[in-house]
Amino acid sequence: MENRTARLTLLIDPKKKALFEKLCAEEDVTPSQKVRQFIREYIEARLGEDWKEQVFGGDER
């Protein structure tokens, strides 16, 4: 996990939020964990699995 964190605020329809939280609970993950997973997968899809080296220059966080 990364050493530092930053807050990401987004607006979402309340019904979608409730459903997302329910589905996350069924997987025993928090919504934050799932969003972080989505972001990692998106970055890897766009930049490849070696994206950390591209971004952090070998300082893998």
Protein backbone atom coordinates (compact mmCIF):
# COMPACT_ATOMS: atom_id res chain seq x y z
CA MET A 1 0.00 0.00 0.00
CA GLU A 2 1.15 3.54 -0.65
CA ASN A 3 2.91 5.41 2.14
CA ARG A 4 1.04 8.67 1.60
CA THR A 5 -2.59 9.22 0.83
CA ALA A 6 -4.64 11.94 -0.82
CA ARG A 7 -8.36 12.46 -0.62
CA LEU A 8 -10.54 12.06 -3.72
CA THR A 9 -14.04 13.50 -3.43
CA LEU A 10 -16.71 12.61 -5.92
CA LEU A 11 -20.42 13.02 -6.30
CA ILE A 12 -22.56 9.96 -6.95
CA ASP A 13 -26.25 9.18 -7.08
CA PRO A 14 -27.37 8.05 -3.60
CA LYS A 15 -29.01 4.88 -4.93
CA LYS A 16 -25.84 3.88 -6.78
CA LYS A 17 -23.78 4.61 -3.66
CA ALA A 18 -26.00 2.40 -1.53
CA LEU A 19 -25.85 -0.42 -4.07
CA PHE A 20 -22.06 -0.07 -4.40
CA GLU A 21 -21.67 -0.25 -0.61
CA LYS A 22 -23.89 -3.36 -0.49
CA LEU A 23 -21.89 -5.09 -3.23
CA CYS A 24 -18.61 -4.18 -1.53
CA ALA A 25 -19.88 -5.62 1.75
CA GLU A 26 -20.72 -8.87 -0.05
CA GLU A 27 -17.05 -9.04 -1.14
CA ASP A 28 -15.89 -8.09 2.37
CA VAL A 29 -14.07 -5.00 1.09
CA THR A 30 -14.60 -1.35 1.87
CA PRO A 31 -15.77 1.02 -0.86
CA SER A 32 -12.40 2.78 -0.58
CA GLN A 33 -10.53 -0.47 -1.17
CA LYS A 34 -12.64 -1.18 -4.25
CA VAL A 35 -12.16 2.31 -5.68
CA ARG A 36 -8.38 2.01 -5.15
CA GLN A 37 -8.51 -1.33 -6.97
CA PHE A 38 -10.45 0.23 -9.87
CA ILE A 39 -7.89 3.04 -10.10
CA ARG A 40 -4.91 0.62 -10.06
CA GLU A 41 -6.53 -1.52 -12.77
CA TYR A 42 -7.28 1.54 -14.90
CA ILE A 43 -3.72 2.83 -14.61
CA GLU A 44 -2.29 -0.60 -15.48
CA ALA A 45 -4.64 -0.89 -18.47
CA ARG A 46 -3.45 2.49 -19.76
CA LEU A 47 0.25 2.41 -18.82
CA GLY A 48 1.07 -1.27 -18.33
CA GLU A 49 2.09 -3.20 -15.26
CA ASP A 50 5.38 -1.31 -14.95
CA TRP A 51 3.55 1.98 -14.36
CA LYS A 52 5.15 2.47 -10.93
CA GLU A 53 8.59 2.77 -12.50
CA GLN A 54 7.22 5.28 -15.01
CA VAL A 55 5.62 7.38 -12.27
CA PHE A 56 7.96 6.90 -9.31
CA GLY A 57 11.23 6.26 -11.16
CA GLY A 58 11.96 2.97 -9.40
CA ASP A 59 10.90 4.23 -5.95
CA GLU A 60 7.97 1.79 -5.78
CA ARG A 61 5.55 3.02 -3.16
